[in-house]
Each structure stands twice: as structure tokens, then as C-alpha cells.
Amino acid sequence: MQDPNENTEWNDILRSKGIIPQKEKEITEDDIIGMIENTIELKQNGDKDLTKLGLDELDELEDSEDEAVLLEYRKKRISEMKAMAQRAKFGSVLEISGQDYVEEVTKAGSGVYVVLHLYSRGVPFCALINQHMSQLAPAFPATKFIRAIATTCIPNYPERNLPTIFVYYEGILKKQLVGQVELGGPNLTCDEFEYLLGQTKAIDSGITEDPRKAKAVKDKMFADLADSNDW
């Protein structure tokens, strides 16, 4: 019996009629070189896309791409996920007193941001800040959110300075927001507070533009529209 894989004129006729299957394409040296070049290009230029893939997606790609390259990315992603899990260890607001300050703030740890709110129970704006912190703490679990009654940390701390926000990084004070003016007034929204903390680098906020400016523009537009309707 004639071999159906032979390159003969008769086999070509049979393949064209669908009587025998098409011959599988042989992988040439040029094909191998092309695959190697594509893999090199993927490694050099594809970092951004590959780092966005999950572990399951990388597992699927390992079946069709250069295994060594993809294993390298998979290892990198696992390392990043472990580092993120280690940092995301807070997630709630911790209440402290003055005697806890050194342990919870100064010794918070390497790479840790601490947001400390000094407050008084008699100041409504402080209660609002505490409410905002309770919302932001679980959203940014890599940041340590702490609150303390001001006079337990700093004796005779002036109530006019409340609320006060101190931002620390690795135990070093990086930013302080003292009083109602610096914190934007008693009508401060949670988004506005998040923006303020994002500007200090304490949290990786997606709010990059001051919400108060956007609100001011919107209010002006409504005011101008109201004025035009008066005519």
C-alpha cells in the first residue's frame, strides 16, 4: 500500500479530493527561528501585559509559549502576591492611648504607613473623621489606621487643633494636617479625605484630582444656570 504521507502527484490528487487527510506541515528551521524570535520579543516587550495575568492564565500560556519565560513571570507574580498579602495585614481602625504610641506608631514596621487621628469625643468633626477612617481602613489594609484621644497622647493638647491627622512612614512623621481648615472643614466627604491622604502617599488612592475643585466647578455651573433663568 502506498504511503499517504509521501509527496507524490497521486497523493496530491487524493488530498485535493478529501480522500486522504492533508499532510501535516513539517516544522522547518525557519519556523524554529521564528518561534525563538517571538519568544524573545515577548520577554522584552510583553512585561506589561503578562504581569496583569492571573496564575491560571499563565498556566494556560505555558502550554503554548516558551515555558522558561512564562515560569519566570509566574514566579514573579507569586512573589508580588505574597508581598501584597504580607502588607495587607491591618484593615480596621485601632484605638490606642499614649502608652501604646511607641509600639504602634514608632515601631510600626518597615514599609508601613500609619495614619494617626488625634480626636476628642466632644468635637463633631472628629466623629466625622473617625467615620471616614472606618470606611477607608478596610479599603487600604496595607496602611495602619489609628485613633487616639488627643490628651492621652499629648497632655493639654489644644482642642482648637482638632481634628489632627499625623502621617508616619516607618516611624517618621511625614505630614500633619492640623485643625478644620487644613482638613477642609466640617463638611469634608470621605472622597475628599481619601484624596488628602493619597496626596501624603499614605494610601494608594485612585482619586487623583481634588473632589472639592470638581464640586466648586459644578456649583458655579448651577449658579450660572440659575442666574440665566432669572432673565
C-alpha atoms as a PDB file:
ATOM      1  CA  MET A   1       0.000   0.000   0.000  1.00  0.00           C
ATOM      2  CA  GLN A   2       1.261   3.442  -0.922  1.00  0.00           C
ATOM      3  CA  ASP A   3       2.265   5.699   1.975  1.00  0.00           C
ATOM      4  CA  PRO A   4      -0.320   8.549   2.219  1.00  0.00           C
ATOM      5  CA  ASN A   5       2.379  10.848   3.614  1.00  0.00           C
ATOM      6  CA  GLU A   6       4.584  10.581   0.550  1.00  0.00           C
ATOM      7  CA  ASN A   7       4.854  13.626  -1.690  1.00  0.00           C
ATOM      8  CA  THR A   8       3.528  12.117  -4.878  1.00  0.00           C
ATOM      9  CA  GLU A   9       1.270  13.528  -7.606  1.00  0.00           C
ATOM     10  CA  TRP A  10      -1.304  10.810  -6.915  1.00  0.00           C
ATOM     11  CA  ASN A  11      -1.393  11.629  -3.173  1.00  0.00           C
ATOM     12  CA  ASP A  12      -1.810  15.326  -4.011  1.00  0.00           C
ATOM     13  CA  ILE A  13      -4.889  14.431  -6.115  1.00  0.00           C
ATOM     14  CA  LEU A  14      -6.318  12.298  -3.308  1.00  0.00           C
ATOM     15  CA  ARG A  15      -5.753  15.109  -0.778  1.00  0.00           C
ATOM     16  CA  SER A  16      -7.470  17.636  -3.071  1.00  0.00           C
ATOM     17  CA  LYS A  17     -10.499  15.314  -3.258  1.00  0.00           C
ATOM     18  CA  GLY A  18     -10.568  14.836   0.517  1.00  0.00           C
ATOM     19  CA  ILE A  19      -9.954  11.118   0.217  1.00  0.00           C
ATOM     20  CA  ILE A  20      -6.853  11.193   2.376  1.00  0.00           C
ATOM     21  CA  PRO A  21      -6.082  13.848   5.028  1.00  0.00           C
ATOM     22  CA  GLN A  22      -3.807  16.764   4.347  1.00  0.00           C
ATOM     23  CA  LYS A  23      -0.198  16.128   5.195  1.00  0.00           C
ATOM     24  CA  GLU A  24       0.899  17.695   8.462  1.00  0.00           C
ATOM     25  CA  LYS A  25       3.141  20.717   7.970  1.00  0.00           C
ATOM     26  CA  GLU A  26       6.743  19.977   8.799  1.00  0.00           C
ATOM     27  CA  ILE A  27       8.440  22.387  11.181  1.00  0.00           C
ATOM     28  CA  THR A  28      11.364  23.875   9.356  1.00  0.00           C
ATOM     29  CA  GLU A  29      14.474  25.516  10.723  1.00  0.00           C
ATOM     30  CA  ASP A  30      12.986  28.889   9.747  1.00  0.00           C
ATOM     31  CA  ASP A  31       9.890  28.075  11.810  1.00  0.00           C
ATOM     32  CA  ILE A  32      12.024  27.315  14.858  1.00  0.00           C
ATOM     33  CA  ILE A  33      13.993  30.545  14.454  1.00  0.00           C
ATOM     34  CA  GLY A  34      10.729  32.472  14.156  1.00  0.00           C
ATOM     35  CA  MET A  35       9.343  30.957  17.361  1.00  0.00           C
ATOM     36  CA  ILE A  36      12.540  31.810  19.232  1.00  0.00           C
ATOM     37  CA  GLU A  37      12.448  35.396  17.974  1.00  0.00           C
ATOM     38  CA  ASN A  38       8.797  35.723  19.006  1.00  0.00           C
ATOM     39  CA  THR A  39       9.608  34.435  22.479  1.00  0.00           C
ATOM     40  CA  ILE A  40      12.479  36.903  22.854  1.00  0.00           C
ATOM     41  CA  GLU A  41      10.221  39.746  21.703  1.00  0.00           C
ATOM     42  CA  LEU A  42       7.537  38.616  24.158  1.00  0.00           C
ATOM     43  CA  LYS A  43      10.034  38.708  27.011  1.00  0.00           C
ATOM     44  CA  GLN A  44      11.412  42.125  26.059  1.00  0.00           C
ATOM     45  CA  ASN A  45       8.178  43.935  25.229  1.00  0.00           C
ATOM     46  CA  GLY A  46       5.401  41.964  26.836  1.00  0.00           C
ATOM     47  CA  ASP A  47       6.074  42.602  30.527  1.00  0.00           C
ATOM     48  CA  LYS A  48       3.161  44.950  30.968  1.00  0.00           C
ATOM     49  CA  ASP A  49       0.534  42.564  29.605  1.00  0.00           C
ATOM     50  CA  LEU A  50       1.894  39.415  31.235  1.00  0.00           C
ATOM     51  CA  THR A  51       2.117  40.973  34.690  1.00  0.00           C
ATOM     52  CA  LYS A  52      -1.609  41.626  34.518  1.00  0.00           C
ATOM     53  CA  LEU A  53      -2.391  37.927  34.015  1.00  0.00           C
ATOM     54  CA  GLY A  54      -3.510  35.694  36.839  1.00  0.00           C
ATOM     55  CA  LEU A  55      -1.767  32.466  37.749  1.00  0.00           C
ATOM     56  CA  ASP A  56      -4.376  30.331  35.963  1.00  0.00           C
ATOM     57  CA  GLU A  57      -3.930  32.343  32.754  1.00  0.00           C
ATOM     58  CA  LEU A  58      -0.173  31.954  32.960  1.00  0.00           C
ATOM     59  CA  ASP A  59      -0.625  28.206  33.410  1.00  0.00           C
ATOM     60  CA  GLU A  60      -2.623  28.107  30.165  1.00  0.00           C
ATOM     61  CA  LEU A  61       0.008  30.083  28.285  1.00  0.00           C
ATOM     62  CA  GLU A  62       2.730  27.705  29.428  1.00  0.00           C
ATOM     63  CA  ASP A  63       1.255  25.082  27.089  1.00  0.00           C
ATOM     64  CA  SER A  64       1.817  27.228  24.006  1.00  0.00           C
ATOM     65  CA  GLU A  65       4.716  29.557  24.788  1.00  0.00           C
ATOM     66  CA  ASP A  66       8.258  29.189  25.974  1.00  0.00           C
ATOM     67  CA  GLU A  67       7.895  27.522  29.374  1.00  0.00           C
ATOM     68  CA  ALA A  68      11.022  29.005  30.922  1.00  0.00           C
ATOM     69  CA  VAL A  69       9.939  32.585  30.134  1.00  0.00           C
ATOM     70  CA  LEU A  70       6.424  32.095  31.485  1.00  0.00           C
ATOM     71  CA  LEU A  71       7.604  30.300  34.599  1.00  0.00           C
ATOM     72  CA  GLU A  72       9.740  33.350  35.320  1.00  0.00           C
ATOM     73  CA  TYR A  73       6.682  35.596  35.128  1.00  0.00           C
ATOM     74  CA  ARG A  74       4.634  33.177  37.206  1.00  0.00           C
ATOM     75  CA  LYS A  75       7.301  33.182  39.904  1.00  0.00           C
ATOM     76  CA  LYS A  76       7.340  36.973  39.850  1.00  0.00           C
ATOM     77  CA  ARG A  77       3.541  37.152  40.200  1.00  0.00           C
ATOM     78  CA  ILE A  78       3.576  34.730  43.143  1.00  0.00           C
ATOM     79  CA  SER A  79       6.237  36.863  44.829  1.00  0.00           C
ATOM     80  CA  GLU A  80       4.197  40.021  44.269  1.00  0.00           C
ATOM     81  CA  MET A  81       1.044  38.391  45.657  1.00  0.00           C
ATOM     82  CA  LYS A  82       2.870  37.166  48.758  1.00  0.00           C
ATOM     83  CA  ALA A  83       4.330  40.636  49.352  1.00  0.00           C
ATOM     84  CA  MET A  84       0.883  42.194  48.965  1.00  0.00           C
ATOM     85  CA  ALA A  85      -0.644  39.686  51.381  1.00  0.00           C
ATOM     86  CA  GLN A  86       2.044  40.457  53.961  1.00  0.00           C
ATOM     87  CA  ARG A  87       1.410  44.204  53.663  1.00  0.00           C
ATOM     88  CA  ALA A  88      -2.379  43.855  53.775  1.00  0.00           C
ATOM     89  CA  LYS A  89      -2.463  42.983  57.460  1.00  0.00           C
ATOM     90  CA  PHE A  90      -4.469  45.798  59.037  1.00  0.00           C
ATOM     91  CA  GLY A  91      -7.913  46.652  57.644  1.00  0.00           C
ATOM     92  CA  SER A  92      -9.503  48.271  60.730  1.00  0.00           C
ATOM     93  CA  VAL A  93      -9.045  51.328  62.943  1.00  0.00           C
ATOM     94  CA  LEU A  94      -7.008  50.692  66.079  1.00  0.00           C
ATOM     95  CA  GLU A  95      -7.730  52.715  69.236  1.00  0.00           C
ATOM     96  CA  ILE A  96      -4.616  53.461  71.309  1.00  0.00           C
ATOM     97  CA  SER A  97      -3.556  55.503  74.311  1.00  0.00           C
ATOM     98  CA  GLY A  98      -0.328  57.376  74.926  1.00  0.00           C
ATOM     99  CA  GLN A  99       1.441  54.327  76.356  1.00  0.00           C
ATOM    100  CA  ASP A 100       0.840  52.434  73.085  1.00  0.00           C
ATOM    101  CA  TYR A 101       2.291  55.176  70.881  1.00  0.00           C
ATOM    102  CA  VAL A 102       5.859  53.902  70.589  1.00  0.00           C
ATOM    103  CA  GLU A 103       4.848  50.309  69.897  1.00  0.00           C
ATOM    104  CA  GLU A 104       2.026  51.067  67.441  1.00  0.00           C
ATOM    105  CA  VAL A 105       3.447  54.114  65.645  1.00  0.00           C
ATOM    106  CA  THR A 106       7.216  54.424  66.031  1.00  0.00           C
ATOM    107  CA  LYS A 107       7.722  50.668  65.745  1.00  0.00           C
ATOM    108  CA  ALA A 108       5.001  50.045  63.169  1.00  0.00           C
ATOM    109  CA  GLY A 109       7.472  48.270  60.896  1.00  0.00           C
ATOM    110  CA  SER A 110       9.392  48.538  57.668  1.00  0.00           C
ATOM    111  CA  GLY A 111       7.442  49.905  54.720  1.00  0.00           C
ATOM    112  CA  VAL A 112       4.366  50.710  56.840  1.00  0.00           C
ATOM    113  CA  TYR A 113       2.405  53.953  56.661  1.00  0.00           C
ATOM    114  CA  VAL A 114       0.498  54.976  59.773  1.00  0.00           C
ATOM    115  CA  VAL A 115      -2.411  57.426  59.783  1.00  0.00           C
ATOM    116  CA  LEU A 116      -2.963  58.673  63.340  1.00  0.00           C
ATOM    117  CA  HIS A 117      -6.058  60.702  64.225  1.00  0.00           C
ATOM    118  CA  LEU A 118      -5.973  62.713  67.442  1.00  0.00           C
ATOM    119  CA  TYR A 119      -9.543  63.455  68.443  1.00  0.00           C
ATOM    120  CA  SER A 120     -11.930  64.454  71.176  1.00  0.00           C
ATOM    121  CA  ARG A 121     -15.369  62.983  71.798  1.00  0.00           C
ATOM    122  CA  GLY A 122     -16.782  66.492  72.108  1.00  0.00           C
ATOM    123  CA  VAL A 123     -15.884  67.598  68.572  1.00  0.00           C
ATOM    124  CA  PRO A 124     -18.378  66.627  65.821  1.00  0.00           C
ATOM    125  CA  PHE A 125     -15.766  66.976  63.074  1.00  0.00           C
ATOM    126  CA  CYS A 126     -13.614  64.409  64.881  1.00  0.00           C
ATOM    127  CA  ALA A 127     -16.532  61.974  64.844  1.00  0.00           C
ATOM    128  CA  LEU A 128     -16.823  62.510  61.083  1.00  0.00           C
ATOM    129  CA  ILE A 129     -13.102  61.806  60.570  1.00  0.00           C
ATOM    130  CA  ASN A 130     -13.415  58.620  62.630  1.00  0.00           C
ATOM    131  CA  GLN A 131     -16.306  57.568  60.414  1.00  0.00           C
ATOM    132  CA  HIS A 132     -14.272  58.202  57.260  1.00  0.00           C
ATOM    133  CA  MET A 133     -11.322  56.267  58.688  1.00  0.00           C
ATOM    134  CA  SER A 134     -13.597  53.297  59.413  1.00  0.00           C
ATOM    135  CA  GLN A 135     -14.538  53.262  55.713  1.00  0.00           C
ATOM    136  CA  LEU A 136     -11.004  53.675  54.393  1.00  0.00           C
ATOM    137  CA  ALA A 137      -9.218  51.203  56.693  1.00  0.00           C
ATOM    138  CA  PRO A 138     -10.657  48.037  55.067  1.00  0.00           C
ATOM    139  CA  ALA A 139     -10.190  49.542  51.595  1.00  0.00           C
ATOM    140  CA  PHE A 140      -6.469  50.141  52.238  1.00  0.00           C
ATOM    141  CA  PRO A 141      -5.374  47.284  54.546  1.00  0.00           C
ATOM    142  CA  ALA A 142      -1.674  47.913  53.928  1.00  0.00           C
ATOM    143  CA  THR A 143      -1.990  51.218  55.827  1.00  0.00           C
ATOM    144  CA  LYS A 144      -2.280  51.248  59.601  1.00  0.00           C
ATOM    145  CA  PHE A 145      -5.159  53.475  60.717  1.00  0.00           C
ATOM    146  CA  ILE A 146      -5.013  54.541  64.365  1.00  0.00           C
ATOM    147  CA  ARG A 147      -7.029  56.923  66.504  1.00  0.00           C
ATOM    148  CA  ALA A 148      -6.387  58.243  69.998  1.00  0.00           C
ATOM    149  CA  ILE A 149      -7.977  60.768  72.311  1.00  0.00           C
ATOM    150  CA  ALA A 150      -5.603  63.692  71.924  1.00  0.00           C
ATOM    151  CA  THR A 151      -4.917  64.345  75.598  1.00  0.00           C
ATOM    152  CA  THR A 152      -3.933  60.704  76.220  1.00  0.00           C
ATOM    153  CA  CYS A 153      -1.053  61.113  73.761  1.00  0.00           C
ATOM    154  CA  ILE A 154      -0.209  64.795  74.262  1.00  0.00           C
ATOM    155  CA  PRO A 155      -1.208  66.286  77.642  1.00  0.00           C
ATOM    156  CA  ASN A 156      -3.129  69.567  77.349  1.00  0.00           C
ATOM    157  CA  TYR A 157      -3.325  69.303  73.558  1.00  0.00           C
ATOM    158  CA  PRO A 158      -5.432  72.315  72.425  1.00  0.00           C
ATOM    159  CA  GLU A 159      -8.929  71.376  71.308  1.00  0.00           C
ATOM    160  CA  ARG A 160      -8.761  74.111  68.640  1.00  0.00           C
ATOM    161  CA  ASN A 161      -6.203  71.923  66.831  1.00  0.00           C
ATOM    162  CA  LEU A 162      -8.678  69.068  66.488  1.00  0.00           C
ATOM    163  CA  PRO A 163      -9.095  67.043  64.497  1.00  0.00           C
ATOM    164  CA  THR A 164      -5.390  66.400  63.845  1.00  0.00           C
ATOM    165  CA  ILE A 165      -4.003  63.862  61.406  1.00  0.00           C
ATOM    166  CA  PHE A 166      -0.396  62.689  61.617  1.00  0.00           C
ATOM    167  CA  VAL A 167       1.022  60.563  58.790  1.00  0.00           C
ATOM    168  CA  TYR A 168       4.073  58.442  59.581  1.00  0.00           C
ATOM    169  CA  TYR A 169       6.231  56.234  57.395  1.00  0.00           C
ATOM    170  CA  GLU A 170       8.479  53.721  59.122  1.00  0.00           C
ATOM    171  CA  GLY A 171       8.052  55.674  62.358  1.00  0.00           C
ATOM    172  CA  ILE A 172       8.997  59.055  60.863  1.00  0.00           C
ATOM    173  CA  LEU A 173       6.466  61.897  60.703  1.00  0.00           C
ATOM    174  CA  LYS A 174       5.867  62.766  57.039  1.00  0.00           C
ATOM    175  CA  LYS A 175       2.794  65.019  57.133  1.00  0.00           C
ATOM    176  CA  GLN A 176       0.471  66.689  59.609  1.00  0.00           C
ATOM    177  CA  LEU A 177      -2.978  68.125  58.988  1.00  0.00           C
ATOM    178  CA  VAL A 178      -3.986  70.259  61.954  1.00  0.00           C
ATOM    179  CA  GLY A 179      -7.444  71.671  62.544  1.00  0.00           C
ATOM    180  CA  GLN A 180     -10.568  72.180  60.495  1.00  0.00           C
ATOM    181  CA  VAL A 181      -9.031  74.472  57.873  1.00  0.00           C
ATOM    182  CA  GLU A 182      -6.236  72.103  56.812  1.00  0.00           C
ATOM    183  CA  LEU A 183      -8.688  69.213  56.768  1.00  0.00           C
ATOM    184  CA  GLY A 184     -11.189  71.014  54.573  1.00  0.00           C
ATOM    185  CA  GLY A 185     -13.908  71.950  57.021  1.00  0.00           C
ATOM    186  CA  PRO A 186     -16.671  70.060  58.864  1.00  0.00           C
ATOM    187  CA  ASN A 187     -18.447  69.058  55.625  1.00  0.00           C
ATOM    188  CA  LEU A 188     -15.464  67.000  54.433  1.00  0.00           C
ATOM    189  CA  THR A 189     -16.596  63.982  52.416  1.00  0.00           C
ATOM    190  CA  CYS A 190     -14.947  60.576  52.532  1.00  0.00           C
ATOM    191  CA  ASP A 191     -13.683  61.014  48.955  1.00  0.00           C
ATOM    192  CA  GLU A 192     -12.119  64.356  49.898  1.00  0.00           C
ATOM    193  CA  PHE A 193     -10.468  62.799  52.944  1.00  0.00           C
ATOM    194  CA  GLU A 194      -9.197  59.916  50.806  1.00  0.00           C
ATOM    195  CA  TYR A 195      -7.743  62.422  48.343  1.00  0.00           C
ATOM    196  CA  LEU A 196      -5.910  64.261  51.159  1.00  0.00           C
ATOM    197  CA  LEU A 197      -4.385  61.000  52.434  1.00  0.00           C
ATOM    198  CA  GLY A 198      -3.497  59.965  48.884  1.00  0.00           C
ATOM    199  CA  GLN A 199      -1.501  63.166  48.470  1.00  0.00           C
ATOM    200  CA  THR A 200       0.599  62.207  51.505  1.00  0.00           C
ATOM    201  CA  LYS A 201       1.330  58.762  49.928  1.00  0.00           C
ATOM    202  CA  ALA A 202      -0.187  57.071  52.972  1.00  0.00           C
ATOM    203  CA  ILE A 203      -2.641  55.259  50.703  1.00  0.00           C
ATOM    204  CA  ASP A 204      -2.581  54.368  47.036  1.00  0.00           C
ATOM    205  CA  SER A 205      -5.786  56.204  46.172  1.00  0.00           C
ATOM    206  CA  GLY A 206      -7.352  56.212  42.732  1.00  0.00           C
ATOM    207  CA  ILE A 207      -8.654  59.743  43.400  1.00  0.00           C
ATOM    208  CA  THR A 208      -6.023  61.916  41.749  1.00  0.00           C
ATOM    209  CA  GLU A 209      -7.974  65.170  41.396  1.00  0.00           C
ATOM    210  CA  ASP A 210      -9.293  67.211  44.308  1.00  0.00           C
ATOM    211  CA  PRO A 211     -13.049  66.455  44.544  1.00  0.00           C
ATOM    212  CA  ARG A 212     -13.594  69.899  46.074  1.00  0.00           C
ATOM    213  CA  LYS A 213     -12.440  71.585  42.862  1.00  0.00           C
ATOM    214  CA  ALA A 214     -14.815  69.476  40.792  1.00  0.00           C
ATOM    215  CA  LYS A 215     -17.636  70.334  43.205  1.00  0.00           C
ATOM    216  CA  ALA A 216     -16.787  74.044  43.001  1.00  0.00           C
ATOM    217  CA  VAL A 217     -16.951  73.945  39.197  1.00  0.00           C
ATOM    218  CA  LYS A 218     -20.295  72.117  39.304  1.00  0.00           C
ATOM    219  CA  ASP A 219     -21.713  74.578  41.857  1.00  0.00           C
ATOM    220  CA  LYS A 220     -20.641  77.511  39.668  1.00  0.00           C
ATOM    221  CA  MET A 221     -22.299  75.957  36.632  1.00  0.00           C
ATOM    222  CA  PHE A 222     -25.566  75.562  38.538  1.00  0.00           C
ATOM    223  CA  ALA A 223     -25.290  79.124  39.843  1.00  0.00           C
ATOM    224  CA  ASP A 224     -24.692  80.490  36.354  1.00  0.00           C
ATOM    225  CA  LEU A 225     -27.643  78.469  35.044  1.00  0.00           C
ATOM    226  CA  ALA A 226     -29.878  79.786  37.817  1.00  0.00           C
ATOM    227  CA  ASP A 227     -28.823  83.361  37.029  1.00  0.00           C
ATOM    228  CA  SER A 228     -29.614  82.901  33.337  1.00  0.00           C
ATOM    229  CA  ASN A 229     -33.086  81.533  34.193  1.00  0.00           C
ATOM    230  CA  ASP A 230     -33.836  84.659  36.238  1.00  0.00           C
ATOM    231  CA  TRP A 231     -33.977  86.571  32.991  1.00  0.00           C
END
